[in-house]
Structure formats: structure tokens, C-alpha cells
PDB file of all heavy atoms in Angstrom:
ATOM      1  N   TRP A   1       0.017 -16.050   2.738  1.00  0.00           N
ATOM      2  CA  TRP A   1       0.641 -14.796   3.162  1.00  0.00           C
ATOM      3  C   TRP A   1       0.591 -14.706   4.682  1.00  0.00           C
ATOM      4  O   TRP A   1      -0.467 -14.835   5.286  1.00  0.00           O
ATOM      5  CB  TRP A   1      -0.087 -13.607   2.533  1.00  0.00           C
ATOM      6  CG  TRP A   1       0.208 -13.464   1.075  1.00  0.00           C
ATOM      7  CD1 TRP A   1      -0.499 -14.011   0.043  1.00  0.00           C
ATOM      8  CD2 TRP A   1       1.306 -12.766   0.493  1.00  0.00           C
ATOM      9  NE1 TRP A   1       0.090 -13.699  -1.157  1.00  0.00           N
ATOM     10  CE2 TRP A   1       1.209 -12.922  -0.916  1.00  0.00           C
ATOM     11  CE3 TRP A   1       2.364 -12.020   1.005  1.00  0.00           C
ATOM     12  CZ2 TRP A   1       2.114 -12.368  -1.806  1.00  0.00           C
ATOM     13  CZ3 TRP A   1       3.271 -11.461   0.119  1.00  0.00           C
ATOM     14  CH2 TRP A   1       3.155 -11.635  -1.259  1.00  0.00           C
ATOM     15  N   GLY A   2       1.743 -14.474   5.305  1.00  0.00           N
ATOM     16  CA  GLY A   2       1.843 -14.387   6.752  1.00  0.00           C
ATOM     17  C   GLY A   2       1.561 -12.999   7.276  1.00  0.00           C
ATOM     18  O   GLY A   2       1.317 -12.056   6.514  1.00  0.00           O
ATOM     19  N   HIS A   3       1.632 -12.871   8.598  1.00  0.00           N
ATOM     20  CA  HIS A   3       1.221 -11.642   9.284  1.00  0.00           C
ATOM     21  C   HIS A   3       1.931 -10.396   8.768  1.00  0.00           C
ATOM     22  O   HIS A   3       1.302  -9.368   8.524  1.00  0.00           O
ATOM     23  CB  HIS A   3       1.476 -11.793  10.787  1.00  0.00           C
ATOM     24  CG  HIS A   3       1.210 -10.546  11.573  1.00  0.00           C
ATOM     25  ND1 HIS A   3      -0.053 -10.014  11.711  1.00  0.00           N
ATOM     26  CD2 HIS A   3       2.051  -9.705  12.239  1.00  0.00           C
ATOM     27  CE1 HIS A   3       0.016  -8.915  12.440  1.00  0.00           C
ATOM     28  NE2 HIS A   3       1.270  -8.703  12.764  1.00  0.00           N
ATOM     29  N   SER A   4       3.226 -10.438   8.584  1.00  0.00           N
ATOM     30  CA  SER A   4       3.974  -9.232   8.208  1.00  0.00           C
ATOM     31  C   SER A   4       4.718  -9.385   6.888  1.00  0.00           C
ATOM     32  O   SER A   4       5.683  -8.671   6.628  1.00  0.00           O
ATOM     33  CB  SER A   4       4.961  -8.875   9.325  1.00  0.00           C
ATOM     34  OG  SER A   4       5.831  -9.964   9.589  1.00  0.00           O
ATOM     35  N   ASP A   5       4.285 -10.325   6.049  1.00  0.00           N
ATOM     36  CA  ASP A   5       4.979 -10.563   4.786  1.00  0.00           C
ATOM     37  C   ASP A   5       4.934  -9.353   3.857  1.00  0.00           C
ATOM     38  O   ASP A   5       5.839  -9.144   3.045  1.00  0.00           O
ATOM     39  CB  ASP A   5       4.360 -11.764   4.054  1.00  0.00           C
ATOM     40  CG  ASP A   5       4.749 -13.084   4.703  1.00  0.00           C
ATOM     41  OD1 ASP A   5       5.604 -13.070   5.600  1.00  0.00           O
ATOM     42  OD2 ASP A   5       4.194 -14.123   4.315  1.00  0.00           O
ATOM     43  N   ALA A   6       3.861  -8.566   3.912  1.00  0.00           N
ATOM     44  CA  ALA A   6       3.658  -7.511   2.924  1.00  0.00           C
ATOM     45  C   ALA A   6       4.556  -6.296   3.130  1.00  0.00           C
ATOM     46  O   ALA A   6       4.775  -5.524   2.192  1.00  0.00           O
ATOM     47  CB  ALA A   6       2.196  -7.067   2.942  1.00  0.00           C
ATOM     48  N   ALA A   7       5.076  -6.103   4.342  1.00  0.00           N
ATOM     49  CA  ALA A   7       5.797  -4.869   4.651  1.00  0.00           C
ATOM     50  C   ALA A   7       6.977  -4.626   3.721  1.00  0.00           C
ATOM     51  O   ALA A   7       7.127  -3.547   3.139  1.00  0.00           O
ATOM     52  CB  ALA A   7       6.253  -4.895   6.106  1.00  0.00           C
ATOM     53  N   THR A   8       7.842  -5.624   3.567  1.00  0.00           N
ATOM     54  CA  THR A   8       9.018  -5.466   2.714  1.00  0.00           C
ATOM     55  C   THR A   8       8.625  -5.311   1.253  1.00  0.00           C
ATOM     56  O   THR A   8       9.196  -4.487   0.527  1.00  0.00           O
ATOM     57  CB  THR A   8       9.962  -6.675   2.874  1.00  0.00           C
ATOM     58  OG1 THR A   8      10.337  -6.794   4.246  1.00  0.00           O
ATOM     59  CG2 THR A   8      11.210  -6.498   2.032  1.00  0.00           C
ATOM     60  N   PHE A   9       7.642  -6.089   0.808  1.00  0.00           N
ATOM     61  CA  PHE A   9       7.167  -5.979  -0.579  1.00  0.00           C
ATOM     62  C   PHE A   9       6.653  -4.565  -0.858  1.00  0.00           C
ATOM     63  O   PHE A   9       6.918  -3.997  -1.928  1.00  0.00           O
ATOM     64  CB  PHE A   9       6.046  -6.989  -0.831  1.00  0.00           C
ATOM     65  CG  PHE A   9       6.525  -8.394  -1.066  1.00  0.00           C
ATOM     66  CD1 PHE A   9       6.523  -9.324  -0.052  1.00  0.00           C
ATOM     67  CD2 PHE A   9       6.987  -8.778  -2.310  1.00  0.00           C
ATOM     68  CE1 PHE A   9       6.945 -10.617  -0.269  1.00  0.00           C
ATOM     69  CE2 PHE A   9       7.417 -10.075  -2.540  1.00  0.00           C
ATOM     70  CZ  PHE A   9       7.408 -11.003  -1.517  1.00  0.00           C
ATOM     71  N   MET A  10       5.892  -4.007   0.092  1.00  0.00           N
ATOM     72  CA  MET A  10       5.344  -2.659  -0.099  1.00  0.00           C
ATOM     73  C   MET A  10       6.465  -1.632  -0.193  1.00  0.00           C
ATOM     74  O   MET A  10       6.427  -0.731  -1.050  1.00  0.00           O
ATOM     75  CB  MET A  10       4.405  -2.304   1.054  1.00  0.00           C
ATOM     76  CG  MET A  10       3.020  -2.904   0.944  1.00  0.00           C
ATOM     77  SD  MET A  10       2.069  -2.348  -0.506  1.00  0.00           S
ATOM     78  CE  MET A  10       1.805  -0.617  -0.118  1.00  0.00           C
ATOM     79  N   GLU A  11       7.443  -1.753   0.679  1.00  0.00           N
ATOM     80  CA  GLU A  11       8.542  -0.794   0.682  1.00  0.00           C
ATOM     81  C   GLU A  11       9.290  -0.802  -0.656  1.00  0.00           C
ATOM     82  O   GLU A  11       9.549   0.250  -1.247  1.00  0.00           O
ATOM     83  CB  GLU A  11       9.501  -1.125   1.832  1.00  0.00           C
ATOM     84  CG  GLU A  11      10.647  -0.140   1.974  1.00  0.00           C
ATOM     85  CD  GLU A  11      11.556  -0.481   3.135  1.00  0.00           C
ATOM     86  OE1 GLU A  11      11.231  -1.416   3.896  1.00  0.00           O
ATOM     87  OE2 GLU A  11      12.610   0.183   3.278  1.00  0.00           O
ATOM     88  N   VAL A  12       9.627  -1.997  -1.139  1.00  0.00           N
ATOM     89  CA  VAL A  12      10.362  -2.118  -2.402  1.00  0.00           C
ATOM     90  C   VAL A  12       9.502  -1.668  -3.578  1.00  0.00           C
ATOM     91  O   VAL A  12       9.971  -0.932  -4.466  1.00  0.00           O
ATOM     92  CB  VAL A  12      10.821  -3.585  -2.605  1.00  0.00           C
ATOM     93  CG1 VAL A  12      11.441  -3.774  -3.982  1.00  0.00           C
ATOM     94  CG2 VAL A  12      11.807  -3.978  -1.520  1.00  0.00           C
ATOM     95  N   SER A  13       8.244  -2.060  -3.605  1.00  0.00           N
ATOM     96  CA  SER A  13       7.368  -1.728  -4.727  1.00  0.00           C
ATOM     97  C   SER A  13       7.061  -0.237  -4.779  1.00  0.00           C
ATOM     98  O   SER A  13       7.012   0.359  -5.870  1.00  0.00           O
ATOM     99  CB  SER A  13       6.068  -2.533  -4.637  1.00  0.00           C
ATOM    100  OG  SER A  13       6.331  -3.923  -4.667  1.00  0.00           O
ATOM    101  N   CYS A  14       6.829   0.383  -3.610  1.00  0.00           N
ATOM    102  CA  CYS A  14       6.542   1.824  -3.578  1.00  0.00           C
ATOM    103  C   CYS A  14       7.745   2.627  -4.071  1.00  0.00           C
ATOM    104  O   CYS A  14       7.599   3.637  -4.766  1.00  0.00           O
ATOM    105  CB  CYS A  14       6.167   2.254  -2.162  1.00  0.00           C
ATOM    106  SG  CYS A  14       4.527   1.706  -1.638  1.00  0.00           S
ATOM    107  N   LYS A  15       8.935   2.178  -3.685  1.00  0.00           N
ATOM    108  CA  LYS A  15      10.148   2.865  -4.133  1.00  0.00           C
ATOM    109  C   LYS A  15      10.298   2.766  -5.643  1.00  0.00           C
ATOM    110  O   LYS A  15      10.625   3.746  -6.326  1.00  0.00           O
ATOM    111  CB  LYS A  15      11.361   2.258  -3.430  1.00  0.00           C
ATOM    112  CG  LYS A  15      12.662   3.000  -3.714  1.00  0.00           C
ATOM    113  CD  LYS A  15      13.802   2.415  -2.899  1.00  0.00           C
ATOM    114  CE  LYS A  15      15.102   3.178  -3.160  1.00  0.00           C
ATOM    115  NZ  LYS A  15      16.228   2.611  -2.364  1.00  0.00           N
ATOM    116  N   ALA A  16      10.028   1.579  -6.194  1.00  0.00           N
ATOM    117  CA  ALA A  16      10.130   1.392  -7.642  1.00  0.00           C
ATOM    118  C   ALA A  16       9.059   2.185  -8.386  1.00  0.00           C
ATOM    119  O   ALA A  16       9.306   2.695  -9.485  1.00  0.00           O
ATOM    120  CB  ALA A  16       9.997  -0.094  -7.970  1.00  0.00           C
ATOM    121  N   ALA A  17       7.872   2.321  -7.789  1.00  0.00           N
ATOM    122  CA  ALA A  17       6.773   3.043  -8.435  1.00  0.00           C
ATOM    123  C   ALA A  17       6.839   4.544  -8.208  1.00  0.00           C
ATOM    124  O   ALA A  17       6.085   5.304  -8.834  1.00  0.00           O
ATOM    125  CB  ALA A  17       5.440   2.511  -7.916  1.00  0.00           C
ATOM    126  N   LYS A  18       7.720   4.983  -7.294  1.00  0.00           N
ATOM    127  CA  LYS A  18       7.887   6.398  -6.968  1.00  0.00           C
ATOM    128  C   LYS A  18       6.576   7.031  -6.500  1.00  0.00           C
ATOM    129  O   LYS A  18       6.160   8.089  -6.974  1.00  0.00           O
ATOM    130  CB  LYS A  18       8.433   7.158  -8.176  1.00  0.00           C
ATOM    131  CG  LYS A  18       9.814   6.684  -8.623  1.00  0.00           C
ATOM    132  CD  LYS A  18      10.332   7.480  -9.812  1.00  0.00           C
ATOM    133  CE  LYS A  18      11.719   6.982 -10.220  1.00  0.00           C
ATOM    134  NZ  LYS A  18      12.255   7.734 -11.389  1.00  0.00           N
ATOM    135  N   VAL A  19       5.936   6.356  -5.540  1.00  0.00           N
ATOM    136  CA  VAL A  19       4.681   6.878  -4.981  1.00  0.00           C
ATOM    137  C   VAL A  19       4.839   7.284  -3.514  1.00  0.00           C
ATOM    138  O   VAL A  19       3.858   7.559  -2.839  1.00  0.00           O
ATOM    139  CB  VAL A  19       3.553   5.832  -5.104  1.00  0.00           C
ATOM    140  CG1 VAL A  19       3.239   5.562  -6.561  1.00  0.00           C
ATOM    141  CG2 VAL A  19       3.898   4.541  -4.375  1.00  0.00           C
ATOM    142  N   GLY A  20       6.067   7.319  -3.019  1.00  0.00           N
ATOM    143  CA  GLY A  20       6.281   7.645  -1.616  1.00  0.00           C
ATOM    144  C   GLY A  20       6.070   6.436  -0.730  1.00  0.00           C
ATOM    145  O   GLY A  20       5.881   5.315  -1.209  1.00  0.00           O
ATOM    146  N   SER A  21       6.068   6.656   0.569  1.00  0.00           N
ATOM    147  CA  SER A  21       5.894   5.564   1.521  1.00  0.00           C
ATOM    148  C   SER A  21       4.410   5.283   1.740  1.00  0.00           C
ATOM    149  O   SER A  21       3.660   6.164   2.174  1.00  0.00           O
ATOM    150  CB  SER A  21       6.564   5.927   2.855  1.00  0.00           C
ATOM    151  OG  SER A  21       6.377   4.897   3.798  1.00  0.00           O
ATOM    152  N   VAL A  22       3.990   4.074   1.416  1.00  0.00           N
ATOM    153  CA  VAL A  22       2.586   3.689   1.549  1.00  0.00           C
ATOM    154  C   VAL A  22       2.516   2.361   2.292  1.00  0.00           C
ATOM    155  O   VAL A  22       3.237   1.421   1.955  1.00  0.00           O
ATOM    156  CB  VAL A  22       1.912   3.535   0.166  1.00  0.00           C
ATOM    157  CG1 VAL A  22       0.449   3.108   0.330  1.00  0.00           C
ATOM    158  CG2 VAL A  22       1.993   4.838  -0.612  1.00  0.00           C
ATOM    159  N   ARG A  23       1.675   2.287   3.295  1.00  0.00           N
ATOM    160  CA  ARG A  23       1.444   1.031   3.996  1.00  0.00           C
ATOM    161  C   ARG A  23       0.343   0.250   3.283  1.00  0.00           C
ATOM    162  O   ARG A  23      -0.508   0.834   2.622  1.00  0.00           O
ATOM    163  CB  ARG A  23       1.047   1.283   5.448  1.00  0.00           C
ATOM    164  CG  ARG A  23       2.138   1.964   6.256  1.00  0.00           C
ATOM    165  CD  ARG A  23       1.715   2.240   7.686  1.00  0.00           C
ATOM    166  NE  ARG A  23       0.483   3.018   7.743  1.00  0.00           N
ATOM    167  CZ  ARG A  23      -0.675   2.553   8.144  1.00  0.00           C
ATOM    168  NH1 ARG A  23      -0.799   1.293   8.533  1.00  0.00           N
ATOM    169  NH2 ARG A  23      -1.746   3.319   8.170  1.00  0.00           N
ATOM    170  N   PHE A  24       0.352  -1.067   3.446  1.00  0.00           N
ATOM    171  CA  PHE A  24      -0.641  -1.896   2.756  1.00  0.00           C
ATOM    172  C   PHE A  24      -2.053  -1.485   3.152  1.00  0.00           C
ATOM    173  O   PHE A  24      -2.963  -1.489   2.324  1.00  0.00           O
ATOM    174  CB  PHE A  24      -0.412  -3.379   3.072  1.00  0.00           C
ATOM    175  CG  PHE A  24      -1.193  -4.304   2.193  1.00  0.00           C
ATOM    176  CD1 PHE A  24      -0.654  -4.785   1.010  1.00  0.00           C
ATOM    177  CD2 PHE A  24      -2.486  -4.687   2.530  1.00  0.00           C
ATOM    178  CE1 PHE A  24      -1.380  -5.628   0.176  1.00  0.00           C
ATOM    179  CE2 PHE A  24      -3.219  -5.519   1.702  1.00  0.00           C
ATOM    180  CZ  PHE A  24      -2.668  -5.995   0.522  1.00  0.00           C
ATOM    181  N   HIS A  25      -2.259  -1.099   4.422  1.00  0.00           N
ATOM    182  CA  HIS A  25      -3.603  -0.745   4.878  1.00  0.00           C
ATOM    183  C   HIS A  25      -4.139   0.483   4.142  1.00  0.00           C
ATOM    184  O   HIS A  25      -5.361   0.669   4.050  1.00  0.00           O
ATOM    185  CB  HIS A  25      -3.586  -0.481   6.385  1.00  0.00           C
ATOM    186  CG  HIS A  25      -4.949  -0.431   7.000  1.00  0.00           C
ATOM    187  ND1 HIS A  25      -5.735  -1.555   7.191  1.00  0.00           N
ATOM    188  CD2 HIS A  25      -5.697   0.613   7.456  1.00  0.00           C
ATOM    189  CE1 HIS A  25      -6.880  -1.217   7.739  1.00  0.00           C
ATOM    190  NE2 HIS A  25      -6.894   0.098   7.904  1.00  0.00           N
ATOM    191  N   GLU A  26      -3.236   1.306   3.613  1.00  0.00           N
ATOM    192  CA  GLU A  26      -3.683   2.504   2.913  1.00  0.00           C
ATOM    193  C   GLU A  26      -4.255   2.183   1.530  1.00  0.00           C
ATOM    194  O   GLU A  26      -4.885   3.037   0.907  1.00  0.00           O
ATOM    195  CB  GLU A  26      -2.527   3.506   2.830  1.00  0.00           C
ATOM    196  CG  GLU A  26      -2.276   4.153   4.180  1.00  0.00           C
ATOM    197  CD  GLU A  26      -0.964   4.909   4.279  1.00  0.00           C
ATOM    198  OE1 GLU A  26      -0.004   4.553   3.573  1.00  0.00           O
ATOM    199  OE2 GLU A  26      -0.907   5.854   5.083  1.00  0.00           O
ATOM    200  N   LEU A  27      -4.091   0.961   1.071  1.00  0.00           N
ATOM    201  CA  LEU A  27      -4.780   0.523  -0.138  1.00  0.00           C
ATOM    202  C   LEU A  27      -6.280   0.411   0.138  1.00  0.00           C
ATOM    203  O   LEU A  27      -7.103   0.677  -0.735  1.00  0.00           O
ATOM    204  CB  LEU A  27      -4.233  -0.823  -0.614  1.00  0.00           C
ATOM    205  CG  LEU A  27      -2.718  -0.883  -0.885  1.00  0.00           C
ATOM    206  CD1 LEU A  27      -2.323  -2.282  -1.338  1.00  0.00           C
ATOM    207  CD2 LEU A  27      -2.303   0.165  -1.901  1.00  0.00           C
ATOM    208  N   ARG A  28      -6.612   0.007   1.346  1.00  0.00           N
ATOM    209  CA  ARG A  28      -8.019  -0.045   1.779  1.00  0.00           C
ATOM    210  C   ARG A  28      -8.600   1.362   1.814  1.00  0.00           C
ATOM    211  O   ARG A  28      -9.734   1.599   1.378  1.00  0.00           O
ATOM    212  CB  ARG A  28      -8.092  -0.716   3.145  1.00  0.00           C
ATOM    213  CG  ARG A  28      -9.454  -0.732   3.831  1.00  0.00           C
ATOM    214  CD  ARG A  28      -9.318  -1.530   5.128  1.00  0.00           C
ATOM    215  NE  ARG A  28     -10.422  -1.332   6.048  1.00  0.00           N
ATOM    216  CZ  ARG A  28     -11.557  -2.037   6.033  1.00  0.00           C
ATOM    217  NH1 ARG A  28     -11.750  -2.948   5.103  1.00  0.00           N
ATOM    218  NH2 ARG A  28     -12.499  -1.823   6.938  1.00  0.00           N
ATOM    219  N   HIS A  29      -7.803   2.326   2.320  1.00  0.00           N
ATOM    220  CA  HIS A  29      -8.251   3.724   2.329  1.00  0.00           C
ATOM    221  C   HIS A  29      -8.439   4.249   0.908  1.00  0.00           C
ATOM    222  O   HIS A  29      -9.362   5.018   0.636  1.00  0.00           O
ATOM    223  CB  HIS A  29      -7.237   4.596   3.071  1.00  0.00           C
ATOM    224  CG  HIS A  29      -7.138   4.294   4.530  1.00  0.00           C
ATOM    225  ND1 HIS A  29      -8.233   4.186   5.348  1.00  0.00           N
ATOM    226  CD2 HIS A  29      -6.057   4.088   5.324  1.00  0.00           C
ATOM    227  CE1 HIS A  29      -7.841   3.912   6.579  1.00  0.00           C
ATOM    228  NE2 HIS A  29      -6.523   3.846   6.590  1.00  0.00           N
ATOM    229  N   THR A  30      -7.542   3.829   0.021  1.00  0.00           N
ATOM    230  CA  THR A  30      -7.646   4.262  -1.377  1.00  0.00           C
ATOM    231  C   THR A  30      -8.944   3.774  -2.002  1.00  0.00           C
ATOM    232  O   THR A  30      -9.651   4.521  -2.690  1.00  0.00           O
ATOM    233  CB  THR A  30      -6.440   3.751  -2.180  1.00  0.00           C
ATOM    234  OG1 THR A  30      -5.237   4.299  -1.624  1.00  0.00           O
ATOM    235  CG2 THR A  30      -6.546   4.143  -3.647  1.00  0.00           C
ATOM    236  N   TYR A  31      -9.280   2.506  -1.756  1.00  0.00           N
ATOM    237  CA  TYR A  31     -10.530   1.931  -2.269  1.00  0.00           C
ATOM    238  C   TYR A  31     -11.730   2.737  -1.768  1.00  0.00           C
ATOM    239  O   TYR A  31     -12.614   3.128  -2.546  1.00  0.00           O
ATOM    240  CB  TYR A  31     -10.639   0.481  -1.811  1.00  0.00           C
ATOM    241  CG  TYR A  31     -11.980  -0.164  -2.051  1.00  0.00           C
ATOM    242  CD1 TYR A  31     -12.300  -0.709  -3.292  1.00  0.00           C
ATOM    243  CD2 TYR A  31     -12.931  -0.235  -1.039  1.00  0.00           C
ATOM    244  CE1 TYR A  31     -13.529  -1.314  -3.517  1.00  0.00           C
ATOM    245  CE2 TYR A  31     -14.160  -0.830  -1.247  1.00  0.00           C
ATOM    246  CZ  TYR A  31     -14.456  -1.364  -2.487  1.00  0.00           C
ATOM    247  OH  TYR A  31     -15.685  -1.956  -2.702  1.00  0.00           O
ATOM    248  N   ALA A  32     -11.739   3.017  -0.469  1.00  0.00           N
ATOM    249  CA  ALA A  32     -12.866   3.748   0.109  1.00  0.00           C
ATOM    250  C   ALA A  32     -12.946   5.168  -0.430  1.00  0.00           C
ATOM    251  O   ALA A  32     -14.039   5.680  -0.717  1.00  0.00           O
ATOM    252  CB  ALA A  32     -12.742   3.763   1.630  1.00  0.00           C
ATOM    253  N   SER A  33     -11.799   5.834  -0.563  1.00  0.00           N
ATOM    254  CA  SER A  33     -11.804   7.218  -1.054  1.00  0.00           C
ATOM    255  C   SER A  33     -12.317   7.294  -2.485  1.00  0.00           C
ATOM    256  O   SER A  33     -13.015   8.237  -2.856  1.00  0.00           O
ATOM    257  CB  SER A  33     -10.396   7.809  -0.964  1.00  0.00           C
ATOM    258  OG  SER A  33      -9.522   7.198  -1.895  1.00  0.00           O
ATOM    259  N   MET A  34     -11.993   6.285  -3.303  1.00  0.00           N
ATOM    260  CA  MET A  34     -12.477   6.280  -4.685  1.00  0.00           C
ATOM    261  C   MET A  34     -13.984   6.103  -4.735  1.00  0.00           C
ATOM    262  O   MET A  34     -14.669   6.719  -5.565  1.00  0.00           O
ATOM    263  CB  MET A  34     -11.773   5.173  -5.474  1.00  0.00           C
ATOM    264  CG  MET A  34     -10.306   5.470  -5.752  1.00  0.00           C
ATOM    265  SD  MET A  34      -9.518   4.171  -6.729  1.00  0.00           S
ATOM    266  CE  MET A  34      -7.853   4.860  -6.914  1.00  0.00           C
ATOM    267  N   LEU A  35     -14.524   5.264  -3.849  1.00  0.00           N
ATOM    268  CA  LEU A  35     -15.977   5.101  -3.782  1.00  0.00           C
ATOM    269  C   LEU A  35     -16.659   6.403  -3.377  1.00  0.00           C
ATOM    270  O   LEU A  35     -17.665   6.814  -3.965  1.00  0.00           O
ATOM    271  CB  LEU A  35     -16.346   4.005  -2.782  1.00  0.00           C
ATOM    272  CG  LEU A  35     -16.243   2.543  -3.239  1.00  0.00           C
ATOM    273  CD1 LEU A  35     -16.678   1.620  -2.109  1.00  0.00           C
ATOM    274  CD2 LEU A  35     -17.079   2.295  -4.482  1.00  0.00           C
ATOM    275  N   VAL A  36     -16.107   7.062  -2.342  1.00  0.00           N
ATOM    276  CA  VAL A  36     -16.697   8.317  -1.864  1.00  0.00           C
ATOM    277  C   VAL A  36     -16.623   9.384  -2.948  1.00  0.00           C
ATOM    278  O   VAL A  36     -17.590  10.116  -3.197  1.00  0.00           O
ATOM    279  CB  VAL A  36     -15.992   8.785  -0.573  1.00  0.00           C
ATOM    280  CG1 VAL A  36     -16.511  10.158  -0.151  1.00  0.00           C
ATOM    281  CG2 VAL A  36     -16.212   7.782   0.554  1.00  0.00           C
ATOM    282  N   ASN A  37     -15.469   9.492  -3.609  1.00  0.00           N
ATOM    283  CA  ASN A  37     -15.305  10.495  -4.665  1.00  0.00           C
ATOM    284  C   ASN A  37     -16.242  10.244  -5.838  1.00  0.00           C
ATOM    285  O   ASN A  37     -16.619  11.167  -6.551  1.00  0.00           O
ATOM    286  CB  ASN A  37     -13.862  10.493  -5.171  1.00  0.00           C
ATOM    287  CG  ASN A  37     -12.966  11.357  -4.301  1.00  0.00           C
ATOM    288  OD1 ASN A  37     -13.376  12.393  -3.796  1.00  0.00           O
ATOM    289  ND2 ASN A  37     -11.727  10.917  -4.108  1.00  0.00           N
TER     290      ASN A  37
END
């Protein structure tokens, strides 16, 4: 996986999943928030 390969995948996948605009780095935030919660 290259430096910016994930951007397009995230955009297409988020649209298909109907979760709004999410950057790949926010998956890291999601992991941390679940631990804190």
C-alpha cells in the first residue's frame, strides 16, 4: 500500500456504506474512542 492509496478507496467505501465522509486516520480515532468508552 502506497502513501495515498487509501484516499480513493475510503471515499468510495464510505459512500457505499452511507457513513458520511471519513478519513482513514479516523479509524484510529474510532479504535481509541471504543477503548475509552
